[in-house]
Amino acid sequence: MISEHPDFHTIFSDPPRWRLINEPLADSAEAALLRDSLLLREVAEGKRGATARLWEAPQSLIVTRKETRFPRFEEACQRLAAEDWPVNIRDSGGTSVPLQPGILNFSLIFPQTEASQYNLDQIYLALCEPIRGALSQLGLQADYGETPGSYCDGRYNLNVDGLKVTGTAQRYRISPPNQRGVRQGVLAQAMLMVEADAEAGTAQVNRFYRLAGNERQFNPAVATSLTRLLPSASKPSGMLTLRLRQLIASEFQQLVQTASS
C-alpha cells in the first residue's frame, strides 16, 4: 500500500498548457505504441508541450525487449500471430501484457526541466488519480498497492476489492540541447481493464511465456475487469469503455484546472 501521497498537483500547473488527446481504436497495436514513443520524443526535444492521451489497440500481446531474448521467442511469435495474437515490443520495463479493445490506456507525456523535477511517486499519482476519480464516480473504491501473482506488478497498481484493475509503467527520454531548458521527457502509462476478460488476458500472457521457453507464470484469479465489478453497466458492448473515457477525461481536466487556478 502507499502510506503517504506526495504532492503531485504541480505536474499539472508547471507546464504552460496540457493537451488531451482522446483517440479512437488504433489501426494496430504497433501504431498505438509508436504514437506514445513519438509523443515522448517530441516532448523531450522541446517540440511539444505536456500531453495526455486516452487510447485503445487491437488484440495483441506486448512484450519487453528483455523478453525477446527468451530461447523460443521467434517460435512463440509465429504461433501466437497465427492465433490472432500478434506480438509487439515496447521499450518500457515490466512483463508481457495483453492489449485489446476494452482495455483502456491512459498516458501522460510531459517535460521535466531544471525547475520542475518530479519523483516516481508524484508521476504515478498524477497518472492514476484521474482513473481513481473516474472509478469513484462509478461507485468503485480503488486502492494503491501490489497485487501478488499479477503480471507487471507494482506499488501503483489500482485494486478494487483486492483485485487488480489497473497496471502502470514509466519511461524517460533524455533531451538533446534545446532552448526551452527541457532535461528529459516523461512517459507514464496506465492500462485499465474495462470490458476485456482479465483472466483470459493473463492466460494469454502465461501462454506466451510457455511457448517462448520461460518458466514464469501469473495467477489469472488476482485481476478482474470493470464488467465483472459492474455487470449492470456492461451492456451494450463498448458503452462502459466509452463512459470511462469520458470520466477520466473529466477528472483529468478538473485536476489541471484546479492546479492552474
Protein backbone atom coordinates (compact mmCIF):
# COMPACT_ATOMS: atom_id res chain seq x y z
CA MET A 1 0.00 0.00 0.00
CA ILE A 2 1.03 3.66 -0.50
CA SER A 3 1.18 5.09 3.01
CA GLU A 4 1.99 8.69 2.03
CA HIS A 5 0.81 10.52 -1.08
CA PRO A 6 3.37 13.18 -2.05
CA ASP A 7 2.00 16.32 -3.69
CA PHE A 8 1.69 15.80 -7.43
CA HIS A 9 -0.56 18.70 -8.42
CA THR A 10 2.24 20.95 -9.66
CA ILE A 11 2.80 18.50 -12.50
CA PHE A 12 -0.46 19.87 -13.88
CA SER A 13 0.37 23.53 -13.22
CA ASP A 14 4.06 23.80 -14.19
CA PRO A 15 3.67 23.16 -17.94
CA PRO A 16 2.04 26.21 -19.55
CA ARG A 17 -0.68 24.10 -21.16
CA TRP A 18 -1.87 20.49 -21.20
CA ARG A 19 -3.45 18.95 -24.27
CA LEU A 20 -5.76 15.91 -24.01
CA ILE A 21 -5.95 13.54 -26.98
CA ASN A 22 -8.92 11.14 -26.92
CA GLU A 23 -8.12 8.72 -29.73
CA PRO A 24 -10.35 6.11 -31.36
CA LEU A 25 -9.30 2.47 -31.60
CA ALA A 26 -5.89 2.35 -33.31
CA ASP A 27 -5.38 0.51 -36.60
CA SER A 28 -2.74 -1.68 -34.96
CA ALA A 29 -1.09 -2.19 -31.58
CA GLU A 30 2.25 -1.31 -33.19
CA ALA A 31 0.88 2.06 -34.33
CA ALA A 32 -0.63 2.72 -30.89
CA LEU A 33 2.67 2.06 -29.11
CA LEU A 34 4.62 4.08 -31.66
CA ARG A 35 2.33 7.06 -31.06
CA ASP A 36 3.38 7.24 -27.38
CA SER A 37 7.04 6.93 -28.38
CA LEU A 38 6.75 9.72 -30.95
CA LEU A 39 4.97 12.00 -28.49
CA LEU A 40 7.69 11.31 -25.91
CA ARG A 41 10.41 12.21 -28.41
CA GLU A 42 8.66 15.45 -29.36
CA VAL A 43 8.27 16.42 -25.70
CA ALA A 44 11.89 15.57 -24.90
CA GLU A 45 13.08 17.65 -27.85
CA GLY A 46 11.01 20.65 -26.72
CA LYS A 47 8.77 20.47 -29.79
CA ARG A 48 5.57 19.59 -27.90
CA GLY A 49 4.03 20.56 -24.58
CA ALA A 50 2.51 18.34 -21.92
CA THR A 51 0.10 15.82 -23.43
CA ALA A 52 -2.41 13.33 -22.04
CA ARG A 53 -3.70 10.52 -24.24
CA LEU A 54 -6.59 8.05 -24.00
CA TRP A 55 -6.32 5.14 -26.43
CA GLU A 56 -7.18 1.53 -27.27
CA ALA A 57 -5.48 -1.00 -29.53
CA PRO A 58 -6.49 -4.16 -31.40
CA GLN A 59 -5.76 -7.53 -29.85
CA SER A 60 -2.05 -8.05 -29.32
CA LEU A 61 0.50 -9.26 -26.80
CA ILE A 62 3.02 -6.61 -25.77
CA VAL A 63 6.42 -7.81 -24.55
CA THR A 64 9.54 -6.09 -23.28
CA ARG A 65 12.87 -6.05 -25.08
CA LYS A 66 14.46 -8.33 -22.50
CA GLU A 67 11.78 -10.94 -23.27
CA THR A 68 12.85 -11.05 -26.90
CA ARG A 69 15.87 -12.98 -25.64
CA PHE A 70 13.80 -15.95 -24.47
CA PRO A 71 15.09 -19.17 -26.12
CA ARG A 72 11.99 -19.79 -28.27
CA PHE A 73 10.83 -16.20 -28.71
CA GLU A 74 10.54 -16.28 -32.50
CA GLU A 75 8.62 -19.57 -32.44
CA ALA A 76 6.22 -18.13 -29.86
CA CYS A 77 5.63 -15.06 -32.02
CA GLN A 78 4.80 -17.16 -35.07
CA ARG A 79 2.43 -19.39 -33.12
CA LEU A 80 0.60 -16.53 -31.45
CA ALA A 81 0.33 -14.49 -34.66
CA ALA A 82 -1.37 -17.48 -36.31
CA GLU A 83 -3.89 -17.41 -33.45
CA ASP A 84 -4.65 -13.68 -33.91
CA TRP A 85 -2.42 -12.64 -31.01
CA PRO A 86 0.44 -10.82 -32.77
CA VAL A 87 3.40 -9.93 -30.55
CA ASN A 88 4.69 -6.35 -30.36
CA ILE A 89 7.64 -4.95 -28.41
CA ARG A 90 7.59 -1.97 -26.05
CA ASP A 91 10.51 -0.01 -24.63
CA SER A 92 9.30 0.29 -21.02
CA GLY A 93 10.05 -2.40 -18.44
CA GLY A 94 7.86 -4.87 -16.58
CA THR A 95 6.45 -8.03 -18.10
CA SER A 96 4.35 -9.10 -21.03
CA VAL A 97 0.81 -7.62 -21.09
CA PRO A 98 -2.24 -8.06 -23.35
CA LEU A 99 -3.84 -5.27 -25.36
CA GLN A 100 -7.27 -5.41 -26.96
CA PRO A 101 -10.47 -3.38 -27.30
CA GLY A 102 -11.98 -2.91 -23.85
CA ILE A 103 -8.56 -2.30 -22.29
CA LEU A 104 -8.38 1.48 -21.95
CA ASN A 105 -4.92 3.04 -21.87
CA PHE A 106 -4.11 6.42 -20.37
CA SER A 107 -0.74 8.09 -20.99
CA LEU A 108 0.84 11.25 -19.60
CA ILE A 109 3.75 12.69 -21.57
CA PHE A 110 5.39 15.84 -20.23
CA PRO A 111 8.75 17.63 -19.91
CA GLN A 112 11.00 17.85 -16.90
CA THR A 113 13.21 20.92 -16.55
CA GLU A 114 15.77 22.04 -14.00
CA ALA A 115 12.99 23.96 -12.26
CA SER A 116 10.44 21.14 -12.33
CA GLN A 117 11.76 17.81 -11.09
CA TYR A 118 9.28 15.11 -10.07
CA ASN A 119 9.91 11.74 -8.48
CA LEU A 120 8.45 8.39 -9.42
CA ASP A 121 5.68 8.59 -6.81
CA GLN A 122 4.47 12.02 -7.90
CA ILE A 123 4.36 10.94 -11.53
CA TYR A 124 2.41 7.76 -10.79
CA LEU A 125 -0.10 9.69 -8.68
CA ALA A 126 -0.64 12.23 -11.45
CA LEU A 127 -1.27 9.31 -13.80
CA CYS A 128 -3.56 7.31 -11.54
CA GLU A 129 -5.64 9.90 -9.70
CA PRO A 130 -7.81 10.71 -12.76
CA ILE A 131 -8.53 6.98 -13.10
CA ARG A 132 -9.22 6.60 -9.39
CA GLY A 133 -11.59 9.55 -9.52
CA ALA A 134 -13.38 8.08 -12.53
CA LEU A 135 -13.84 4.74 -10.75
CA SER A 136 -15.20 6.58 -7.72
CA GLN A 137 -17.82 8.18 -9.97
CA LEU A 138 -18.98 4.63 -10.75
CA GLY A 139 -19.12 3.71 -7.06
CA LEU A 140 -15.84 1.76 -7.01
CA GLN A 141 -13.17 2.37 -4.35
CA ALA A 142 -9.73 1.76 -5.86
CA ASP A 143 -6.66 1.40 -3.65
CA TYR A 144 -2.96 1.54 -4.50
CA GLY A 145 -0.77 -1.47 -3.88
CA GLU A 146 0.98 -4.53 -5.21
CA THR A 147 -1.13 -7.48 -6.37
CA PRO A 148 0.92 -10.65 -5.72
CA GLY A 149 0.66 -13.07 -8.62
CA SER A 150 -0.29 -10.49 -11.26
CA TYR A 151 1.68 -9.71 -14.40
CA CYS A 152 3.52 -6.36 -14.48
CA ASP A 153 3.02 -5.97 -10.73
CA GLY A 154 3.91 -2.78 -8.85
CA ARG A 155 3.12 -0.49 -5.94
CA TYR A 156 0.98 1.70 -8.16
CA ASN A 157 -1.47 -0.92 -9.31
CA LEU A 158 -5.06 0.10 -8.70
CA ASN A 159 -7.01 -2.66 -6.95
CA VAL A 160 -10.73 -2.94 -6.24
CA ASP A 161 -11.75 -5.42 -3.55
CA GLY A 162 -8.18 -6.76 -3.65
CA LEU A 163 -8.28 -7.46 -7.41
CA LYS A 164 -6.10 -5.62 -9.89
CA VAL A 165 -7.87 -3.44 -12.46
CA THR A 166 -5.00 -1.13 -13.48
CA GLY A 167 -1.28 -1.60 -14.08
CA THR A 168 1.26 1.18 -14.64
CA ALA A 169 4.69 1.85 -16.13
CA GLN A 170 7.09 4.74 -16.70
CA ARG A 171 9.72 5.58 -19.29
CA TYR A 172 12.09 8.53 -19.76
CA ARG A 173 13.89 10.07 -22.72
CA ILE A 174 16.91 12.33 -22.20
CA SER A 175 16.64 15.60 -24.10
CA PRO A 176 19.15 16.95 -26.62
CA PRO A 177 20.35 20.55 -26.08
CA ASN A 178 17.33 22.84 -26.51
CA GLN A 179 16.29 26.42 -25.90
CA ARG A 180 13.38 25.52 -23.62
CA GLY A 181 15.50 24.07 -20.84
CA VAL A 182 13.93 20.60 -21.11
CA ARG A 183 16.13 17.94 -19.44
CA GLN A 184 14.02 14.90 -20.27
CA GLY A 185 10.63 13.74 -21.39
CA VAL A 186 8.50 11.56 -19.12
CA LEU A 187 6.05 8.92 -20.32
CA ALA A 188 3.73 7.38 -17.72
CA GLN A 189 1.27 4.72 -18.88
CA ALA A 190 -1.71 3.02 -17.25
CA MET A 191 -3.89 0.22 -18.62
CA LEU A 192 -7.40 -0.20 -17.22
CA MET A 193 -9.29 -3.47 -17.64
CA VAL A 194 -12.77 -2.27 -18.57
CA GLU A 195 -14.56 -4.77 -20.82
CA ALA A 196 -11.76 -7.17 -21.74
CA ASP A 197 -11.60 -10.55 -19.99
CA ALA A 198 -8.84 -10.12 -17.38
CA GLU A 199 -8.47 -13.83 -16.68
CA ALA A 200 -8.23 -14.71 -20.36
CA GLY A 201 -5.63 -11.94 -20.84
CA THR A 202 -3.49 -13.37 -18.04
CA ALA A 203 -3.84 -16.84 -19.53
CA GLN A 204 -2.54 -15.50 -22.85
CA VAL A 205 0.45 -13.90 -21.12
CA ASN A 206 1.18 -17.26 -19.46
CA ARG A 207 0.88 -19.00 -22.83
CA PHE A 208 3.48 -16.66 -24.33
CA TYR A 209 5.95 -17.47 -21.56
CA ARG A 210 5.46 -21.21 -22.00
CA LEU A 211 5.80 -21.05 -25.79
CA ALA A 212 8.86 -18.79 -25.53
CA GLY A 213 10.64 -21.14 -23.12
CA ASN A 214 10.35 -19.21 -19.86
CA GLU A 215 9.00 -20.71 -16.63
CA ARG A 216 7.35 -17.54 -15.30
CA GLN A 217 3.57 -17.79 -14.79
CA PHE A 218 0.92 -15.50 -13.28
CA ASN A 219 -2.32 -16.09 -11.40
CA PRO A 220 -5.41 -15.31 -13.54
CA ALA A 221 -7.59 -15.03 -10.42
CA VAL A 222 -5.92 -11.90 -8.99
CA ALA A 223 -7.11 -9.48 -11.69
CA THR A 224 -10.56 -8.51 -12.88
CA SER A 225 -12.39 -6.20 -15.27
CA LEU A 226 -14.92 -3.49 -14.54
CA THR A 227 -17.62 -5.51 -16.27
CA ARG A 228 -17.20 -8.13 -13.54
CA LEU A 229 -17.50 -5.46 -10.87
CA LEU A 230 -20.31 -3.55 -12.62
CA PRO A 231 -22.27 -6.19 -14.55
CA SER A 232 -25.28 -3.92 -14.97
CA ALA A 233 -23.11 -1.36 -16.79
CA SER A 234 -21.61 -3.76 -19.33
CA LYS A 235 -24.40 -3.68 -21.94
CA PRO A 236 -24.25 -2.92 -24.81
CA SER A 237 -20.64 -3.73 -25.63
CA GLY A 238 -18.35 -0.72 -25.69
CA MET A 239 -20.57 1.61 -23.70
CA LEU A 240 -18.72 1.16 -20.40
CA THR A 241 -15.37 1.83 -22.05
CA LEU A 242 -16.81 4.98 -23.64
CA ARG A 243 -18.12 6.06 -20.24
CA LEU A 244 -14.67 5.58 -18.67
CA ARG A 245 -13.10 7.65 -21.44
CA GLN A 246 -15.47 10.49 -20.58
CA LEU A 247 -14.98 10.19 -16.83
CA ILE A 248 -11.17 10.00 -16.96
CA ALA A 249 -11.05 12.98 -19.33
CA SER A 250 -13.30 14.97 -16.99
CA GLU A 251 -11.28 14.07 -13.88
CA PHE A 252 -8.02 14.92 -15.65
CA GLN A 253 -9.30 18.28 -16.89
CA GLN A 254 -10.58 19.12 -13.43
CA LEU A 255 -7.17 18.38 -11.90
CA VAL A 256 -5.48 20.61 -14.49
CA GLN A 257 -7.97 23.40 -13.91
CA THR A 258 -7.66 23.20 -10.12
CA ALA A 259 -3.86 23.12 -10.22
CA SER A 260 -3.72 26.11 -12.57
CA SER A 261 -6.15 28.30 -10.61
